[in-house]
N, C-alpha and C. Protein backbone atom coordinates (compact mmCIF):
# COMPACT_ATOMS: atom_id res chain seq x y z
N MET A 1 91.20 45.85 11.95
CA MET A 1 90.17 44.88 12.29
C MET A 1 88.98 45.07 11.38
N ASN A 2 88.45 44.00 10.93
CA ASN A 2 87.25 44.02 10.11
C ASN A 2 86.08 44.48 10.97
N GLU A 3 85.38 45.49 10.53
CA GLU A 3 84.28 46.07 11.30
C GLU A 3 82.98 45.32 11.05
N GLU A 4 82.99 44.03 11.27
CA GLU A 4 81.78 43.25 11.09
C GLU A 4 80.87 43.40 12.30
N ILE A 5 79.64 43.04 12.11
CA ILE A 5 78.66 43.06 13.20
C ILE A 5 78.51 41.64 13.72
N LEU A 6 78.74 41.48 15.00
CA LEU A 6 78.59 40.17 15.63
C LEU A 6 77.23 40.12 16.31
N THR A 7 76.42 39.19 15.90
CA THR A 7 75.11 38.99 16.52
C THR A 7 74.94 37.51 16.75
N TYR A 8 74.59 37.16 17.97
CA TYR A 8 74.33 35.76 18.25
C TYR A 8 73.38 35.62 19.43
N ASN A 9 72.76 34.48 19.47
CA ASN A 9 71.81 34.17 20.53
C ASN A 9 72.45 33.20 21.51
N THR A 10 72.13 33.37 22.77
CA THR A 10 72.52 32.39 23.78
C THR A 10 71.25 31.91 24.46
N PRO A 11 71.24 30.69 24.89
CA PRO A 11 70.02 30.18 25.53
C PRO A 11 69.74 30.91 26.84
N ASN A 12 68.48 31.04 27.13
CA ASN A 12 68.04 31.71 28.34
C ASN A 12 67.41 30.66 29.23
N SER A 13 68.21 30.06 30.10
CA SER A 13 67.67 28.99 30.94
C SER A 13 67.88 29.33 32.40
N GLY A 14 67.03 28.75 33.22
CA GLY A 14 67.12 28.98 34.65
C GLY A 14 68.40 28.45 35.25
N GLU A 15 68.90 27.33 34.73
CA GLU A 15 70.12 26.75 35.27
C GLU A 15 71.31 27.66 35.02
N ILE A 16 71.38 28.22 33.80
CA ILE A 16 72.48 29.12 33.48
C ILE A 16 72.40 30.38 34.33
N LEU A 17 71.19 30.93 34.45
CA LEU A 17 71.00 32.13 35.27
C LEU A 17 71.39 31.87 36.71
N GLN A 18 70.99 30.74 37.24
CA GLN A 18 71.31 30.41 38.62
C GLN A 18 72.82 30.22 38.80
N GLN A 19 73.45 29.55 37.86
CA GLN A 19 74.89 29.33 37.93
C GLN A 19 75.65 30.66 37.91
N ILE A 20 75.28 31.53 37.00
CA ILE A 20 75.96 32.82 36.88
C ILE A 20 75.74 33.67 38.13
N ASN A 21 74.52 33.69 38.63
CA ASN A 21 74.23 34.51 39.81
C ASN A 21 74.84 33.94 41.08
N ARG A 22 74.93 32.64 41.19
CA ARG A 22 75.63 32.05 42.34
C ARG A 22 77.11 32.45 42.31
N TYR A 23 77.69 32.42 41.13
CA TYR A 23 79.08 32.84 41.00
C TYR A 23 79.23 34.31 41.39
N GLU A 24 78.35 35.15 40.89
CA GLU A 24 78.41 36.58 41.18
C GLU A 24 78.20 36.84 42.67
N TYR A 25 77.27 36.14 43.28
CA TYR A 25 77.02 36.29 44.70
C TYR A 25 78.26 35.90 45.51
N LYS A 26 78.84 34.78 45.13
CA LYS A 26 80.03 34.33 45.84
C LYS A 26 81.16 35.34 45.68
N ARG A 27 81.31 35.84 44.49
CA ARG A 27 82.39 36.80 44.22
C ARG A 27 82.22 38.06 45.04
N LEU A 28 81.00 38.56 45.18
CA LEU A 28 80.78 39.82 45.88
C LEU A 28 80.61 39.65 47.39
N TRP A 29 79.73 38.76 47.81
CA TRP A 29 79.37 38.68 49.22
C TRP A 29 80.28 37.78 50.02
N GLU A 30 80.56 36.59 49.53
CA GLU A 30 81.34 35.66 50.34
C GLU A 30 82.77 36.14 50.51
N ASN A 31 83.32 36.80 49.52
CA ASN A 31 84.66 37.35 49.68
C ASN A 31 84.65 38.48 50.72
N SER A 32 83.60 39.27 50.74
CA SER A 32 83.46 40.32 51.76
C SER A 32 83.32 39.70 53.14
N LEU A 33 82.56 38.62 53.23
CA LEU A 33 82.39 37.94 54.51
C LEU A 33 83.71 37.37 55.02
N LYS A 34 84.53 36.86 54.13
CA LYS A 34 85.84 36.34 54.54
C LYS A 34 86.71 37.46 55.10
N LYS A 35 86.67 38.63 54.46
CA LYS A 35 87.44 39.77 54.97
C LYS A 35 86.92 40.18 56.34
N ASN A 36 85.60 40.15 56.52
CA ASN A 36 85.02 40.51 57.80
C ASN A 36 85.41 39.50 58.87
N THR A 37 85.53 38.25 58.51
CA THR A 37 85.94 37.22 59.47
C THR A 37 87.38 37.46 59.92
N LYS A 38 88.20 37.97 59.04
CA LYS A 38 89.57 38.32 59.43
C LYS A 38 89.56 39.39 60.51
N ASN A 39 88.60 40.32 60.43
CA ASN A 39 88.51 41.36 61.44
C ASN A 39 88.17 40.79 62.81
N LEU A 40 87.51 39.65 62.85
CA LEU A 40 87.19 38.99 64.11
C LEU A 40 88.46 38.65 64.88
N PHE A 41 89.52 38.36 64.16
CA PHE A 41 90.81 38.09 64.79
C PHE A 41 91.26 39.30 65.62
N TYR A 42 91.05 40.51 65.08
CA TYR A 42 91.42 41.71 65.83
C TYR A 42 90.56 41.87 67.08
N GLY A 43 89.30 41.52 66.98
CA GLY A 43 88.42 41.59 68.15
C GLY A 43 88.90 40.67 69.26
N ILE A 44 89.30 39.46 68.89
CA ILE A 44 89.81 38.51 69.88
C ILE A 44 91.13 39.02 70.48
N THR A 45 91.99 39.56 69.63
CA THR A 45 93.27 40.10 70.11
C THR A 45 93.05 41.24 71.09
N PHE A 46 92.15 42.17 70.78
CA PHE A 46 91.90 43.29 71.67
C PHE A 46 91.20 42.84 72.96
N THR A 47 90.41 41.78 72.89
CA THR A 47 89.81 41.24 74.11
C THR A 47 90.90 40.70 75.03
N VAL A 48 91.85 39.98 74.48
CA VAL A 48 92.95 39.45 75.27
C VAL A 48 93.77 40.60 75.88
N PHE A 49 94.06 41.62 75.10
CA PHE A 49 94.79 42.78 75.63
C PHE A 49 94.00 43.46 76.74
N GLY A 50 92.69 43.55 76.55
CA GLY A 50 91.84 44.18 77.57
C GLY A 50 91.83 43.39 78.87
N VAL A 51 91.75 42.08 78.77
CA VAL A 51 91.76 41.24 79.98
C VAL A 51 93.12 41.35 80.69
N ILE A 52 94.19 41.32 79.92
CA ILE A 52 95.54 41.45 80.51
C ILE A 52 95.68 42.81 81.19
N ALA A 53 95.24 43.87 80.51
CA ALA A 53 95.32 45.22 81.09
C ALA A 53 94.48 45.31 82.36
N PHE A 54 93.32 44.66 82.38
CA PHE A 54 92.46 44.69 83.56
C PHE A 54 93.15 44.03 84.75
N PHE A 55 93.78 42.87 84.52
CA PHE A 55 94.46 42.18 85.61
C PHE A 55 95.73 42.89 86.06
N LEU A 56 96.31 43.68 85.18
CA LEU A 56 97.50 44.44 85.56
C LEU A 56 97.15 45.78 86.19
N GLY A 57 95.85 46.07 86.29
CA GLY A 57 95.41 47.30 86.96
C GLY A 57 95.27 48.50 86.06
N GLY A 58 95.48 48.35 84.79
CA GLY A 58 95.31 49.47 83.84
C GLY A 58 93.88 49.51 83.36
N TYR A 59 93.00 50.03 84.21
CA TYR A 59 91.56 49.99 83.91
C TYR A 59 91.19 50.86 82.69
N ILE A 60 91.89 51.94 82.49
CA ILE A 60 91.61 52.81 81.34
C ILE A 60 91.98 52.07 80.05
N TYR A 61 93.15 51.42 80.06
CA TYR A 61 93.56 50.65 78.88
C TYR A 61 92.63 49.45 78.66
N ALA A 62 92.24 48.83 79.75
CA ALA A 62 91.31 47.69 79.64
C ALA A 62 90.00 48.14 79.03
N ALA A 63 89.49 49.29 79.47
CA ALA A 63 88.24 49.81 78.92
C ALA A 63 88.39 50.11 77.43
N PHE A 64 89.54 50.69 77.05
CA PHE A 64 89.77 51.00 75.64
C PHE A 64 89.79 49.72 74.81
N PHE A 65 90.60 48.74 75.22
CA PHE A 65 90.71 47.50 74.44
C PHE A 65 89.39 46.74 74.41
N LEU A 66 88.72 46.64 75.54
CA LEU A 66 87.45 45.90 75.57
C LEU A 66 86.37 46.64 74.79
N GLY A 67 86.37 47.97 74.85
CA GLY A 67 85.41 48.75 74.06
C GLY A 67 85.64 48.56 72.57
N PHE A 68 86.90 48.56 72.17
CA PHE A 68 87.21 48.36 70.76
C PHE A 68 86.81 46.95 70.32
N SER A 69 87.06 45.96 71.18
CA SER A 69 86.70 44.59 70.81
C SER A 69 85.18 44.44 70.71
N ILE A 70 84.42 45.11 71.57
CA ILE A 70 82.96 45.07 71.48
C ILE A 70 82.49 45.68 70.16
N ALA A 71 83.14 46.78 69.76
CA ALA A 71 82.78 47.41 68.47
C ALA A 71 83.06 46.45 67.31
N VAL A 72 84.18 45.76 67.35
CA VAL A 72 84.52 44.82 66.28
C VAL A 72 83.54 43.66 66.26
N TYR A 73 83.20 43.14 67.43
CA TYR A 73 82.22 42.03 67.49
C TYR A 73 80.86 42.46 66.97
N SER A 74 80.42 43.66 67.36
CA SER A 74 79.10 44.11 66.89
C SER A 74 79.10 44.31 65.38
N TYR A 75 80.19 44.84 64.84
CA TYR A 75 80.30 44.99 63.39
C TYR A 75 80.29 43.63 62.69
N TYR A 76 81.00 42.67 63.26
CA TYR A 76 81.06 41.33 62.68
C TYR A 76 79.67 40.69 62.64
N PHE A 77 78.97 40.72 63.78
CA PHE A 77 77.66 40.07 63.83
C PHE A 77 76.62 40.82 63.00
N SER A 78 76.75 42.13 62.91
CA SER A 78 75.87 42.91 62.04
C SER A 78 76.09 42.53 60.58
N SER A 79 77.34 42.42 60.18
CA SER A 79 77.66 42.02 58.80
C SER A 79 77.20 40.60 58.52
N LEU A 80 77.34 39.72 59.50
CA LEU A 80 76.88 38.35 59.33
C LEU A 80 75.36 38.29 59.15
N ALA A 81 74.64 39.08 59.93
CA ALA A 81 73.18 39.13 59.80
C ALA A 81 72.78 39.71 58.44
N ASP A 82 73.48 40.76 58.00
CA ASP A 82 73.20 41.33 56.67
C ASP A 82 73.46 40.30 55.58
N TYR A 83 74.55 39.55 55.71
CA TYR A 83 74.88 38.52 54.74
C TYR A 83 73.76 37.50 54.63
N LYS A 84 73.28 37.01 55.77
CA LYS A 84 72.23 36.00 55.76
C LYS A 84 70.93 36.56 55.17
N LYS A 85 70.60 37.80 55.52
CA LYS A 85 69.38 38.42 54.99
C LYS A 85 69.48 38.60 53.48
N HIS A 86 70.60 39.15 53.02
CA HIS A 86 70.78 39.38 51.58
C HIS A 86 70.84 38.07 50.81
N LYS A 87 71.42 37.05 51.40
CA LYS A 87 71.49 35.76 50.73
C LYS A 87 70.08 35.21 50.51
N LYS A 88 69.26 35.29 51.53
CA LYS A 88 67.89 34.80 51.42
C LYS A 88 67.11 35.61 50.38
N ASP A 89 67.21 36.94 50.45
CA ASP A 89 66.52 37.80 49.48
C ASP A 89 67.03 37.58 48.07
N PHE A 90 68.34 37.46 47.91
CA PHE A 90 68.94 37.30 46.60
C PHE A 90 68.46 36.02 45.93
N PHE A 91 68.48 34.91 46.67
CA PHE A 91 68.10 33.65 46.06
C PHE A 91 66.60 33.53 45.86
N SER A 92 65.80 34.20 46.66
CA SER A 92 64.36 34.22 46.38
C SER A 92 64.08 35.04 45.12
N GLU A 93 64.85 36.10 44.91
CA GLU A 93 64.72 36.90 43.68
C GLU A 93 65.14 36.07 42.47
N ILE A 94 66.19 35.29 42.60
CA ILE A 94 66.62 34.42 41.51
C ILE A 94 65.54 33.40 41.19
N ASP A 95 64.91 32.84 42.21
CA ASP A 95 63.83 31.88 41.98
C ASP A 95 62.67 32.53 41.23
N ARG A 96 62.33 33.78 41.58
CA ARG A 96 61.27 34.51 40.85
C ARG A 96 61.68 34.74 39.40
N GLU A 97 62.93 35.08 39.20
CA GLU A 97 63.43 35.33 37.84
C GLU A 97 63.39 34.05 37.01
N ILE A 98 63.74 32.92 37.62
CA ILE A 98 63.70 31.64 36.91
C ILE A 98 62.26 31.30 36.52
N THR A 99 61.32 31.57 37.40
CA THR A 99 59.90 31.36 37.08
C THR A 99 59.49 32.23 35.89
N ASN A 100 59.93 33.48 35.86
CA ASN A 100 59.64 34.37 34.73
C ASN A 100 60.30 33.87 33.45
N LEU A 101 61.51 33.32 33.57
CA LEU A 101 62.20 32.78 32.39
C LEU A 101 61.43 31.61 31.78
N ARG A 102 60.89 30.77 32.62
CA ARG A 102 60.14 29.63 32.10
C ARG A 102 58.89 30.09 31.37
N ALA A 103 58.29 31.18 31.84
CA ALA A 103 57.09 31.70 31.19
C ALA A 103 57.44 32.45 29.90
N ASN A 104 58.63 33.05 29.83
CA ASN A 104 59.07 33.84 28.66
C ASN A 104 60.43 33.34 28.20
N SER A 105 60.49 32.20 27.62
CA SER A 105 61.77 31.56 27.32
C SER A 105 62.35 31.98 25.97
N LYS A 106 62.55 33.27 25.79
CA LYS A 106 63.21 33.76 24.57
C LYS A 106 64.72 33.75 24.79
N ASP A 107 65.46 33.55 23.70
CA ASP A 107 66.91 33.59 23.80
C ASP A 107 67.40 35.01 24.06
N VAL A 108 68.61 35.09 24.59
CA VAL A 108 69.27 36.38 24.79
C VAL A 108 70.00 36.71 23.49
N ILE A 109 69.86 37.95 23.04
CA ILE A 109 70.52 38.38 21.81
C ILE A 109 71.63 39.36 22.17
N TRP A 110 72.84 39.02 21.76
CA TRP A 110 74.02 39.86 21.97
C TRP A 110 74.40 40.44 20.63
N GLU A 111 74.71 41.73 20.60
CA GLU A 111 75.10 42.37 19.34
C GLU A 111 76.28 43.30 19.59
N PHE A 112 77.31 43.13 18.79
CA PHE A 112 78.51 43.97 18.84
C PHE A 112 78.66 44.61 17.48
N THR A 113 78.50 45.93 17.41
CA THR A 113 78.62 46.66 16.15
C THR A 113 79.76 47.67 16.27
N PRO A 114 80.15 48.29 15.18
CA PRO A 114 81.21 49.31 15.27
C PRO A 114 80.84 50.50 16.15
N THR A 115 79.56 50.76 16.33
CA THR A 115 79.14 51.94 17.11
C THR A 115 78.63 51.63 18.50
N HIS A 116 78.15 50.42 18.73
CA HIS A 116 77.53 50.14 20.03
C HIS A 116 77.53 48.64 20.39
N PHE A 117 77.23 48.41 21.64
CA PHE A 117 76.98 47.06 22.16
C PHE A 117 75.52 47.02 22.59
N SER A 118 74.82 45.95 22.22
CA SER A 118 73.43 45.83 22.68
C SER A 118 73.16 44.43 23.21
N PHE A 119 72.21 44.39 24.11
CA PHE A 119 71.82 43.16 24.79
C PHE A 119 70.31 43.17 24.89
N LYS A 120 69.69 42.04 24.54
CA LYS A 120 68.24 41.97 24.59
C LYS A 120 67.83 40.62 25.17
N ASN A 121 66.98 40.68 26.19
CA ASN A 121 66.40 39.46 26.72
C ASN A 121 64.88 39.63 26.76
N TYR A 122 64.18 38.72 27.40
CA TYR A 122 62.72 38.77 27.38
C TYR A 122 62.16 40.01 28.09
N ARG A 123 62.95 40.60 28.95
CA ARG A 123 62.46 41.68 29.79
C ARG A 123 62.84 43.08 29.28
N ALA A 124 64.00 43.22 28.70
CA ALA A 124 64.47 44.55 28.33
C ALA A 124 65.47 44.47 27.19
N GLU A 125 65.72 45.64 26.61
CA GLU A 125 66.73 45.77 25.57
C GLU A 125 67.62 46.95 25.94
N TYR A 126 68.93 46.73 25.89
CA TYR A 126 69.90 47.76 26.27
C TYR A 126 70.83 48.01 25.10
N LYS A 127 71.21 49.27 24.94
CA LYS A 127 72.14 49.64 23.89
C LYS A 127 73.09 50.70 24.46
N PHE A 128 74.40 50.47 24.32
CA PHE A 128 75.40 51.36 24.89
C PHE A 128 76.47 51.66 23.85
N ILE A 129 76.95 52.91 23.83
CA ILE A 129 78.08 53.24 22.97
C ILE A 129 79.35 52.68 23.62
N TRP A 130 80.38 52.52 22.83
CA TRP A 130 81.57 51.82 23.30
C TRP A 130 82.32 52.55 24.40
N GLN A 131 82.20 53.86 24.47
CA GLN A 131 82.90 54.61 25.52
C GLN A 131 82.37 54.27 26.91
N GLU A 132 81.18 53.70 27.00
CA GLU A 132 80.58 53.35 28.28
C GLU A 132 80.89 51.92 28.72
N ILE A 133 81.59 51.17 27.91
CA ILE A 133 81.77 49.74 28.14
C ILE A 133 83.16 49.42 28.69
N THR A 134 83.18 48.61 29.75
CA THR A 134 84.41 47.97 30.22
C THR A 134 84.13 46.48 30.30
N TYR A 135 85.16 45.70 30.32
CA TYR A 135 84.97 44.26 30.36
C TYR A 135 86.12 43.61 31.11
N CYS A 136 85.91 42.38 31.51
CA CYS A 136 86.99 41.58 32.05
C CYS A 136 86.63 40.11 31.89
N ILE A 137 87.59 39.26 32.12
CA ILE A 137 87.37 37.82 32.04
C ILE A 137 87.50 37.27 33.45
N LEU A 138 86.47 36.57 33.89
CA LEU A 138 86.46 36.03 35.25
C LEU A 138 86.70 34.53 35.21
N ASP A 139 87.72 34.08 35.87
CA ASP A 139 88.00 32.65 36.04
C ASP A 139 88.01 31.86 34.75
N ASP A 140 88.35 32.47 33.65
CA ASP A 140 88.39 31.81 32.35
C ASP A 140 87.09 31.11 32.01
N LYS A 141 85.99 31.53 32.62
CA LYS A 141 84.70 30.89 32.36
C LYS A 141 83.65 31.91 31.93
N TYR A 142 83.75 33.12 32.41
CA TYR A 142 82.75 34.14 32.14
C TYR A 142 83.40 35.38 31.52
N LEU A 143 82.65 36.02 30.66
CA LEU A 143 83.03 37.31 30.13
C LEU A 143 82.12 38.32 30.80
N TYR A 144 82.67 39.22 31.55
CA TYR A 144 81.94 40.15 32.39
C TYR A 144 81.99 41.53 31.74
N ILE A 145 80.84 42.01 31.26
CA ILE A 145 80.78 43.29 30.55
C ILE A 145 80.02 44.27 31.43
N THR A 146 80.63 45.43 31.68
CA THR A 146 80.00 46.47 32.48
C THR A 146 79.72 47.67 31.58
N ALA A 147 78.49 48.17 31.67
CA ALA A 147 78.10 49.33 30.88
C ALA A 147 77.69 50.46 31.81
N SER A 148 78.22 51.64 31.56
CA SER A 148 77.91 52.84 32.34
C SER A 148 78.17 52.64 33.83
N SER A 149 79.04 51.76 34.19
CA SER A 149 79.42 51.47 35.57
C SER A 149 78.29 51.00 36.46
N VAL A 150 77.12 50.72 35.89
CA VAL A 150 76.00 50.26 36.71
C VAL A 150 75.34 48.99 36.19
N MET A 151 75.42 48.73 34.92
CA MET A 151 74.79 47.55 34.33
C MET A 151 75.86 46.49 34.07
N ASN A 152 75.58 45.27 34.51
CA ASN A 152 76.51 44.17 34.30
C ASN A 152 75.86 43.10 33.45
N PHE A 153 76.61 42.60 32.49
CA PHE A 153 76.17 41.52 31.63
C PHE A 153 77.22 40.43 31.70
N ILE A 154 76.81 39.23 32.02
CA ILE A 154 77.75 38.12 32.17
C ILE A 154 77.46 37.10 31.09
N LEU A 155 78.47 36.87 30.28
CA LEU A 155 78.36 35.90 29.19
C LEU A 155 79.12 34.64 29.59
N ASP A 156 78.41 33.55 29.69
CA ASP A 156 79.02 32.26 30.00
C ASP A 156 79.69 31.77 28.73
N LYS A 157 80.99 31.53 28.78
CA LYS A 157 81.74 31.13 27.58
C LYS A 157 81.26 29.81 27.00
N ASP A 158 80.60 29.00 27.82
CA ASP A 158 80.10 27.72 27.33
C ASP A 158 78.92 27.89 26.37
N ASN A 159 78.31 29.05 26.35
CA ASN A 159 77.12 29.28 25.53
C ASN A 159 77.42 29.71 24.10
N ILE A 160 78.67 30.01 23.81
CA ILE A 160 79.00 30.41 22.44
C ILE A 160 80.19 29.57 21.97
N ASP A 161 80.28 29.45 20.66
CA ASP A 161 81.37 28.65 20.12
C ASP A 161 82.69 29.42 20.21
N GLU A 162 83.78 28.71 20.04
CA GLU A 162 85.11 29.27 20.22
C GLU A 162 85.39 30.41 19.24
N ASP A 163 84.92 30.28 17.99
CA ASP A 163 85.14 31.31 16.97
C ASP A 163 84.45 32.62 17.37
N ASN A 164 83.18 32.54 17.77
CA ASN A 164 82.46 33.75 18.20
C ASN A 164 83.07 34.34 19.47
N LEU A 165 83.54 33.50 20.36
CA LEU A 165 84.17 33.99 21.58
C LEU A 165 85.44 34.78 21.25
N THR A 166 86.25 34.25 20.36
CA THR A 166 87.47 34.94 19.96
C THR A 166 87.15 36.27 19.30
N LYS A 167 86.17 36.28 18.40
CA LYS A 167 85.76 37.53 17.74
C LYS A 167 85.23 38.53 18.76
N THR A 168 84.47 38.05 19.72
CA THR A 168 83.90 38.94 20.74
C THR A 168 84.99 39.56 21.59
N ILE A 169 85.95 38.76 22.02
CA ILE A 169 87.04 39.28 22.84
C ILE A 169 87.87 40.28 22.04
N LEU A 170 88.12 39.99 20.74
CA LEU A 170 88.84 40.96 19.90
C LEU A 170 88.07 42.27 19.77
N TYR A 171 86.77 42.14 19.62
CA TYR A 171 85.92 43.33 19.53
C TYR A 171 86.03 44.15 20.81
N LEU A 172 85.93 43.49 21.93
CA LEU A 172 86.03 44.19 23.21
C LEU A 172 87.41 44.80 23.43
N GLU A 173 88.45 44.10 23.00
CA GLU A 173 89.80 44.65 23.13
C GLU A 173 89.97 45.94 22.33
N ASN A 174 89.36 45.98 21.14
CA ASN A 174 89.52 47.14 20.28
C ASN A 174 88.56 48.29 20.58
N LYS A 175 87.40 47.98 21.10
CA LYS A 175 86.36 49.00 21.26
C LYS A 175 86.15 49.46 22.70
N SER A 176 86.47 48.65 23.68
CA SER A 176 86.19 49.01 25.07
C SER A 176 87.46 48.96 25.90
N LYS A 177 87.31 49.13 27.20
CA LYS A 177 88.45 49.14 28.10
C LYS A 177 88.45 47.88 28.95
N PHE A 178 89.62 47.29 29.12
CA PHE A 178 89.76 46.15 30.01
C PHE A 178 89.86 46.67 31.44
N LYS A 179 89.18 46.00 32.35
CA LYS A 179 89.19 46.44 33.74
C LYS A 179 89.25 45.21 34.64
N GLU A 180 90.14 45.23 35.62
CA GLU A 180 90.19 44.12 36.56
C GLU A 180 89.13 44.29 37.62
N VAL A 181 88.50 43.16 37.97
CA VAL A 181 87.47 43.19 39.01
C VAL A 181 88.00 42.55 40.26
């Protein structure tokens, strides 16, 4: 592979930021909420078993099943409340970030070199060696780059041309690790 340096700018707009973060929120929180909703089925099942056991005179079994169903219900409603709180906080934070973007509308600079990956926006500049980088492709629309297992960079494929996208993916294939999310 030719060890060229890939450097390009992508626009920094509130609409793109909102679109990417809505996708990320849905991927992380709404999928978790769906799994939690499946657990509600077990709560209903154990409630039915508890009622049947109560009418059959098995009060100890009824207490066990009803106690377990109460625990499942409380966990479900607690998770639902957390979801609503985090959703409100998350989107208010996105609105603040969009306001900051309008005040500091510099492009995002992506750089892929033989020794490191770097990302620079109006707020910060990050540089990581390739051993710290993993990546994946989400829904054939986003390139999701993770650095040091804590920093995430999401590149919307619509923001770069097909040639640069192909070069970037080849760079990531050769220099970093592919990871399923």
